[in-house]
């Protein structure tokens, strides 16, 4: 459907950003009043000052009764009323052709680089360029972030983290950790299309949203939408693993691609095989080199935390941090350029020791204060 308005802001793909910032003033939730939120966003095209968003869109677009019904149903589901592919670029104040280009030719809007992995080797990061990242963040905030997920999922979920992930496993005698191989790359466009389709978006909008969230027909490792989409796609497997764990009288959690089972039972190759079959049936594979079965006598690492050490980071890491902050307190000038890194460590420590975190923050601020004066 074509917009009645000619006031679209066309932007060259090489520029990659509109003249006005595209930042939401808040994030959506299941009770989001979209007629208010959409108006509060600083779009390049102003909507009429009306509490009825649907009427505002109808004043700009020629919508038939079917599209109006779709828009109304999406609003009732606390989703943005993207009844046609033209509404999303209209709200952002850019040309439809630019958003279509990003959706159909995403390879032009990413940069790729490698980062070293803790286990050795490198991980390829495919980072969206600024404007595409803004669009993806909007899709995450207002479409994906509040989709219901099983309680066992802790990675990239609001109010959950690696500490909530390790909690169910603290009192367990034995633990089994299984890693999913190539988690993001194994989630393809077909999976992503199904997510948006099941949310109620029409076919053409689903195709556009899918193109904006994928690269080379799969999830890119670096897009803000990828973790949420991966969680949604894998959640049917979680729903099968939760009763399986209950049958084994043990706990189950997942943080991204790390599956953890714990309990007083002795895990065997048969337990691993059962989980492997379920994962393979869903189209995924496990990394056999990262399957670990650990008894109470071993160090039970769960997403970087030690389950049998009260869910804390490994002792050697804590000791390194302690030594680093001690040196920084004695000679802050020698840590020039590391202030933000130290503040990040202090924020992480706050998750399990607020008093120690406060000491670390004071030292880190001393370093950043020196940096600001140079």
Protein backbone atom coordinates (compact mmCIF):
# COMPACT_ATOMS: atom_id res chain seq x y z
CA UNK A 1 0.00 0.00 0.00
CA UNK A 2 1.41 3.40 -0.93
CA UNK A 3 1.65 6.24 1.54
CA UNK A 4 -0.48 9.30 0.87
CA UNK A 5 2.39 11.46 2.07
CA UNK A 6 5.37 12.49 -0.06
CA UNK A 7 7.40 13.52 3.00
CA UNK A 8 9.74 10.54 3.06
CA UNK A 9 13.38 11.17 3.91
CA UNK A 10 15.60 9.32 1.41
CA UNK A 11 19.05 8.40 2.63
CA UNK A 12 21.99 6.94 0.75
CA UNK A 13 23.00 3.44 1.93
CA UNK A 14 26.55 4.74 2.23
CA UNK A 15 25.46 7.26 4.83
CA UNK A 16 23.58 4.60 6.76
CA UNK A 17 21.74 6.85 9.24
CA UNK A 18 18.89 9.36 9.18
CA UNK A 19 19.28 13.00 10.07
CA UNK A 20 17.50 12.49 13.36
CA UNK A 21 18.44 9.76 15.84
CA UNK A 22 16.20 6.69 15.90
CA UNK A 23 16.10 5.89 19.58
CA UNK A 24 13.14 4.63 21.54
CA UNK A 25 12.33 6.46 24.76
CA UNK A 26 11.44 3.16 26.40
CA UNK A 27 11.20 -0.55 25.69
CA UNK A 28 8.04 -2.40 24.96
CA UNK A 29 6.42 -4.90 27.27
CA UNK A 30 3.29 -6.98 27.26
CA UNK A 31 1.26 -3.94 28.44
CA UNK A 32 2.77 -1.45 25.99
CA UNK A 33 0.33 1.19 24.79
CA UNK A 34 1.58 1.49 21.23
CA UNK A 35 -0.49 4.59 20.48
CA UNK A 36 1.63 6.41 23.08
CA UNK A 37 5.00 4.76 22.49
CA UNK A 38 4.97 5.22 18.71
CA UNK A 39 4.16 8.90 19.14
CA UNK A 40 7.00 9.35 21.67
CA UNK A 41 9.61 8.01 19.25
CA UNK A 42 11.46 10.87 17.51
CA UNK A 43 10.64 9.79 13.96
CA UNK A 44 11.65 11.94 11.00
CA UNK A 45 7.98 12.04 9.95
CA UNK A 46 5.61 13.37 12.58
CA UNK A 47 2.40 11.50 13.21
CA UNK A 48 -0.79 13.40 13.91
CA UNK A 49 -1.15 14.15 17.60
CA UNK A 50 -3.79 11.56 18.29
CA UNK A 51 -3.98 8.72 20.80
CA UNK A 52 -5.32 6.46 18.05
CA UNK A 53 -2.26 5.17 16.22
CA UNK A 54 -4.32 3.18 13.74
CA UNK A 55 -6.14 6.32 12.61
CA UNK A 56 -2.81 8.11 12.30
CA UNK A 57 -1.46 5.39 10.02
CA UNK A 58 -4.69 5.34 8.00
CA UNK A 59 -4.26 9.07 7.46
CA UNK A 60 -0.94 8.33 5.71
CA UNK A 61 -1.71 5.02 3.98
CA UNK A 62 -4.50 3.62 1.85
CA UNK A 63 -5.33 0.45 3.79
CA UNK A 64 -8.07 -1.97 2.85
CA UNK A 65 -10.22 -3.69 5.46
CA UNK A 66 -7.95 -6.77 5.56
CA UNK A 67 -4.84 -4.69 6.39
CA UNK A 68 -6.74 -2.68 8.98
CA UNK A 69 -7.83 -5.93 10.63
CA UNK A 70 -4.21 -7.16 10.67
CA UNK A 71 -2.98 -3.88 12.19
CA UNK A 72 -5.68 -3.97 14.86
CA UNK A 73 -4.89 -7.59 15.75
CA UNK A 74 -1.17 -6.80 16.08
CA UNK A 75 -1.94 -3.87 18.37
CA UNK A 76 -4.13 -6.12 20.51
CA UNK A 77 -1.13 -8.49 20.80
CA UNK A 78 1.03 -5.56 22.00
CA UNK A 79 3.00 -5.56 18.75
CA UNK A 80 3.65 -2.66 16.33
CA UNK A 81 0.94 -2.51 13.64
CA UNK A 82 3.11 -3.45 10.66
CA UNK A 83 0.29 -4.47 8.34
CA UNK A 84 2.32 -3.66 5.21
CA UNK A 85 6.09 -3.45 4.49
CA UNK A 86 5.73 0.34 3.91
CA UNK A 87 4.71 1.16 7.48
CA UNK A 88 8.07 0.35 9.11
CA UNK A 89 10.20 2.66 6.90
CA UNK A 90 7.49 5.29 7.19
CA UNK A 91 7.75 5.24 11.00
CA UNK A 92 11.55 5.58 10.77
CA UNK A 93 11.24 8.42 8.30
CA UNK A 94 13.28 6.77 5.55
CA UNK A 95 12.51 5.55 2.07
CA UNK A 96 11.02 2.13 1.58
CA UNK A 97 13.77 1.39 -0.96
CA UNK A 98 16.51 1.87 1.67
CA UNK A 99 14.94 -0.52 4.17
CA UNK A 100 14.25 -2.95 1.33
CA UNK A 101 17.93 -2.75 0.34
CA UNK A 102 19.02 -3.59 3.89
CA UNK A 103 16.59 -6.50 3.95
CA UNK A 104 17.49 -7.91 0.51
CA UNK A 105 21.23 -7.11 0.50
CA UNK A 106 22.29 -7.22 4.16
CA UNK A 107 25.90 -8.08 3.28
CA UNK A 108 26.41 -4.40 2.41
CA UNK A 109 25.50 -3.34 5.95
CA UNK A 110 27.83 -5.50 8.06
CA UNK A 111 31.49 -5.52 8.97
CA UNK A 112 33.20 -8.77 9.93
CA UNK A 113 36.11 -9.29 12.30
CA UNK A 114 37.56 -12.02 14.52
CA UNK A 115 37.94 -12.17 18.30
CA UNK A 116 39.98 -14.80 20.21
CA UNK A 117 38.01 -17.51 22.03
CA UNK A 118 38.86 -18.45 25.61
CA UNK A 119 39.13 -22.09 24.51
CA UNK A 120 41.51 -21.19 21.69
CA UNK A 121 41.01 -20.23 18.07
CA UNK A 122 38.83 -17.36 16.88
CA UNK A 123 35.16 -16.46 16.66
CA UNK A 124 33.86 -14.55 13.65
CA UNK A 125 31.77 -11.52 14.60
CA UNK A 126 29.39 -10.06 12.01
CA UNK A 127 28.52 -6.63 13.34
CA UNK A 128 25.72 -4.63 11.69
CA UNK A 129 26.60 -1.09 10.75
CA UNK A 130 25.10 1.73 12.75
CA UNK A 131 21.78 2.29 11.02
CA UNK A 132 20.92 -1.39 10.53
CA UNK A 133 21.86 -1.97 14.18
CA UNK A 134 19.38 0.74 15.22
CA UNK A 135 16.63 -0.96 13.21
CA UNK A 136 17.54 -4.36 14.70
CA UNK A 137 17.54 -2.91 18.23
CA UNK A 138 14.04 -1.54 17.57
CA UNK A 139 12.89 -4.98 16.35
CA UNK A 140 14.38 -6.54 19.48
CA UNK A 141 12.89 -4.00 21.89
CA UNK A 142 9.38 -3.90 20.46
CA UNK A 143 8.86 -7.31 18.88
CA UNK A 144 11.20 -9.94 20.35
CA UNK A 145 12.26 -8.95 23.85
CA UNK A 146 9.08 -9.89 25.68
CA UNK A 147 8.12 -13.08 23.91
CA UNK A 148 7.47 -15.76 26.57
CA UNK A 149 10.30 -18.24 27.07
CA UNK A 150 10.62 -21.34 29.26
CA UNK A 151 11.87 -20.64 32.82
CA UNK A 152 14.96 -22.75 32.11
CA UNK A 153 16.31 -20.14 29.64
CA UNK A 154 18.67 -17.61 31.23
CA UNK A 155 20.89 -16.27 28.44
CA UNK A 156 19.95 -12.88 26.92
CA UNK A 157 16.71 -12.70 28.92
CA UNK A 158 15.80 -9.66 30.98
CA UNK A 159 16.21 -10.13 34.75
CA UNK A 160 18.16 -13.36 34.18
CA UNK A 161 21.91 -13.88 33.74
CA UNK A 162 24.75 -16.34 34.39
CA UNK A 163 24.14 -16.04 38.14
CA UNK A 164 20.46 -17.00 37.90
CA UNK A 165 21.55 -19.76 35.52
CA UNK A 166 23.91 -21.35 38.06
CA UNK A 167 21.59 -21.08 41.09
CA UNK A 168 19.55 -24.30 40.50
CA UNK A 169 22.81 -26.29 40.30
CA UNK A 170 24.49 -25.14 43.54
CA UNK A 171 23.32 -28.03 45.73
CA UNK A 172 23.75 -30.79 43.15
CA UNK A 173 26.19 -33.65 43.47
CA UNK A 174 26.78 -34.29 39.77
CA UNK A 175 26.55 -32.15 36.66
CA UNK A 176 26.36 -32.71 32.89
CA UNK A 177 27.17 -29.84 30.51
CA UNK A 178 26.35 -30.08 26.79
CA UNK A 179 27.34 -27.46 24.20
CA UNK A 180 25.33 -26.88 21.02
CA UNK A 181 27.59 -26.67 17.97
CA UNK A 182 27.37 -23.53 15.81
CA UNK A 183 24.23 -22.36 17.57
CA UNK A 184 23.53 -19.10 15.66
CA UNK A 185 24.69 -20.28 12.19
CA UNK A 186 22.39 -23.32 12.41
CA UNK A 187 19.35 -21.06 12.71
CA UNK A 188 18.37 -20.15 9.17
CA UNK A 189 15.88 -17.88 7.42
CA UNK A 190 13.18 -20.53 7.49
CA UNK A 191 13.33 -20.61 11.31
CA UNK A 192 13.27 -16.80 11.55
CA UNK A 193 10.37 -16.44 9.12
CA UNK A 194 8.39 -18.89 11.22
CA UNK A 195 8.96 -16.76 14.33
CA UNK A 196 7.55 -13.60 12.74
CA UNK A 197 4.76 -15.55 11.03
CA UNK A 198 3.62 -17.05 14.34
CA UNK A 199 3.60 -13.58 15.90
CA UNK A 200 0.96 -12.61 13.33
CA UNK A 201 2.83 -10.47 10.82
CA UNK A 202 1.70 -10.79 7.17
CA UNK A 203 3.92 -12.56 4.63
CA UNK A 204 5.57 -9.49 3.05
CA UNK A 205 6.34 -7.94 6.44
CA UNK A 206 7.68 -11.29 7.67
CA UNK A 207 10.03 -11.45 4.66
CA UNK A 208 11.29 -7.91 5.32
CA UNK A 209 11.84 -8.49 9.06
CA UNK A 210 13.61 -11.77 8.34
CA UNK A 211 15.96 -10.08 5.87
CA UNK A 212 16.76 -7.37 8.41
CA UNK A 213 17.68 -9.99 11.04
CA UNK A 214 19.70 -12.48 8.92
CA UNK A 215 22.91 -12.54 6.92
CA UNK A 216 23.78 -15.17 4.30
CA UNK A 217 20.39 -16.77 5.12
CA UNK A 218 21.25 -17.40 8.77
CA UNK A 219 21.57 -15.58 12.11
CA UNK A 220 24.66 -13.34 12.25
CA UNK A 221 26.83 -13.51 15.35
CA UNK A 222 26.79 -9.86 16.35
CA UNK A 223 23.29 -8.61 15.58
CA UNK A 224 21.23 -7.53 18.65
CA UNK A 225 18.28 -9.60 17.37
CA UNK A 226 20.17 -12.91 17.08
CA UNK A 227 20.17 -14.05 20.75
CA UNK A 228 16.43 -13.44 21.16
CA UNK A 229 15.59 -15.20 17.89
CA UNK A 230 17.83 -18.13 18.83
CA UNK A 231 16.07 -18.44 22.19
CA UNK A 232 12.64 -18.41 20.55
CA UNK A 233 13.62 -20.96 17.88
CA UNK A 234 15.22 -23.33 20.42
CA UNK A 235 12.48 -23.01 23.05
CA UNK A 236 10.49 -26.06 21.77
CA UNK A 237 13.59 -28.14 22.54
CA UNK A 238 13.75 -26.59 26.02
CA UNK A 239 10.12 -27.58 26.51
CA UNK A 240 11.09 -31.19 25.82
CA UNK A 241 14.20 -31.13 28.01
CA UNK A 242 12.41 -29.71 31.09
CA UNK A 243 10.16 -32.80 31.60
CA UNK A 244 13.10 -35.05 30.73
CA UNK A 245 15.11 -33.49 33.55
CA UNK A 246 12.13 -33.85 35.86
CA UNK A 247 11.95 -37.52 34.90
CA UNK A 248 15.62 -37.86 35.88
CA UNK A 249 14.92 -35.93 39.11
CA UNK A 250 17.42 -33.25 38.21
CA UNK A 251 17.61 -29.57 37.26
CA UNK A 252 17.93 -28.18 33.73
CA UNK A 253 18.95 -24.70 32.54
CA UNK A 254 20.27 -23.23 29.30
CA UNK A 255 22.47 -20.18 28.83
CA UNK A 256 22.76 -19.49 25.08
CA UNK A 257 24.34 -22.68 23.68
CA UNK A 258 25.25 -24.25 27.06
CA UNK A 259 22.82 -26.88 28.36
CA UNK A 260 23.27 -27.89 32.01
CA UNK A 261 21.74 -30.81 33.89
CA UNK A 262 22.47 -31.41 37.57
CA UNK A 263 21.29 -33.69 40.32
CA UNK A 264 22.24 -36.50 42.65
CA UNK A 265 22.02 -39.10 39.89
CA UNK A 266 25.15 -40.39 38.16
CA UNK A 267 25.06 -39.14 34.58
CA UNK A 268 26.14 -41.66 31.97
CA UNK A 269 26.65 -41.88 28.22
CA UNK A 270 22.99 -42.94 27.94
CA UNK A 271 21.83 -39.64 29.43
CA UNK A 272 24.02 -37.76 26.96
CA UNK A 273 22.71 -39.87 24.07
CA UNK A 274 19.09 -39.16 25.01
CA UNK A 275 19.69 -35.39 24.98
CA UNK A 276 21.72 -35.64 21.75
CA UNK A 277 18.86 -37.37 19.94
CA UNK A 278 16.36 -34.70 20.95
CA UNK A 279 18.71 -31.95 19.79
CA UNK A 280 19.46 -33.66 16.48
CA UNK A 281 15.77 -34.21 15.83
CA UNK A 282 15.31 -30.43 16.09
CA UNK A 283 18.03 -29.84 13.50
CA UNK A 284 20.89 -28.97 15.85
CA UNK A 285 24.07 -30.81 16.81
CA UNK A 286 26.17 -31.04 19.96
CA UNK A 287 29.87 -30.33 20.19
CA UNK A 288 31.26 -33.66 21.46
CA UNK A 289 34.51 -32.00 22.59
CA UNK A 290 32.57 -29.82 25.04
CA UNK A 291 30.41 -32.47 26.70
CA UNK A 292 31.40 -32.72 30.36
CA UNK A 293 30.15 -34.97 33.16
CA UNK A 294 31.57 -33.79 36.49
CA UNK A 295 31.16 -35.22 39.96
CA UNK A 296 31.29 -33.32 43.25
CA UNK A 297 35.06 -33.78 43.42
CA UNK A 298 35.66 -31.84 40.18
CA UNK A 299 35.32 -28.16 39.45
CA UNK A 300 31.76 -27.77 38.11
CA UNK A 301 31.94 -24.84 35.68
CA UNK A 302 28.54 -23.51 34.54
CA UNK A 303 28.74 -20.61 32.04
CA UNK A 304 31.97 -19.39 33.60
CA UNK A 305 30.88 -19.78 37.24
CA UNK A 306 31.80 -22.61 39.62
CA UNK A 307 28.63 -24.33 40.86
CA UNK A 308 30.38 -26.08 43.76
CA UNK A 309 32.03 -22.79 44.88
CA UNK A 310 28.76 -20.96 45.67
CA UNK A 311 28.30 -19.95 42.04
CA UNK A 312 31.31 -17.61 41.99
CA UNK A 313 33.87 -17.01 39.23
CA UNK A 314 36.82 -19.43 39.46
CA UNK A 315 39.18 -18.60 42.33
CA UNK A 316 42.22 -17.94 40.04
CA UNK A 317 40.21 -15.27 38.19
CA UNK A 318 39.10 -13.64 41.45
CA UNK A 319 42.70 -13.58 42.64
CA UNK A 320 43.86 -11.97 39.37
CA UNK A 321 41.22 -9.27 39.75
CA UNK A 322 42.25 -8.68 43.35
CA UNK A 323 45.90 -8.28 42.34
CA UNK A 324 44.95 -5.97 39.44
CA UNK A 325 42.92 -3.61 41.62
CA UNK A 326 45.61 -3.63 44.31
CA UNK A 327 48.17 -2.50 41.74
CA UNK A 328 45.73 0.07 40.34
CA UNK A 329 45.21 1.52 43.82
CA UNK A 330 48.98 1.87 44.33
CA UNK A 331 49.81 3.21 40.86
CA UNK A 332 46.68 4.34 38.95
CA UNK A 333 48.77 6.06 36.27
CA UNK A 334 50.09 2.67 35.10
CA UNK A 335 46.50 1.67 34.22
CA UNK A 336 45.84 4.58 31.92
CA UNK A 337 43.35 3.60 29.22
CA UNK A 338 41.94 0.71 31.32
CA UNK A 339 39.43 2.66 33.41
CA UNK A 340 36.34 1.38 31.59
CA UNK A 341 37.59 -2.21 31.75
CA UNK A 342 38.09 -1.89 35.52
CA UNK A 343 34.62 -0.38 35.94
CA UNK A 344 33.20 -3.32 33.97
CA UNK A 345 34.90 -5.82 36.30
CA UNK A 346 33.61 -3.91 39.33
CA UNK A 347 30.06 -4.03 37.95
CA UNK A 348 30.34 -7.79 37.43
CA UNK A 349 31.68 -8.31 40.98
CA UNK A 350 28.63 -6.42 42.26
CA UNK A 351 26.53 -9.43 41.23
CA UNK A 352 27.97 -11.47 44.10
CA UNK A 353 29.83 -9.07 46.47
CA UNK A 354 28.53 -5.49 46.70
CA UNK A 355 31.09 -4.38 49.32
CA UNK A 356 34.07 -5.59 47.28
CA UNK A 357 32.49 -4.10 44.15
CA UNK A 358 32.28 -0.68 45.80
CA UNK A 359 36.00 -0.80 46.65
CA UNK A 360 36.81 -1.78 43.08
CA UNK A 361 34.61 1.02 41.70
CA UNK A 362 36.44 3.63 43.79
CA UNK A 363 39.80 2.42 42.46
CA UNK A 364 38.49 2.33 38.87
CA UNK A 365 37.10 5.87 39.22
CA UNK A 366 40.52 7.00 40.37
CA UNK A 367 41.95 5.66 37.11
CA UNK A 368 39.24 7.26 34.93
CA UNK A 369 39.70 10.58 36.77
CA UNK A 370 43.36 10.58 35.82
CA UNK A 371 42.44 9.74 32.22
CA UNK A 372 40.00 12.67 32.02
CA UNK A 373 42.70 15.10 33.12
CA UNK A 374 45.15 14.10 30.38
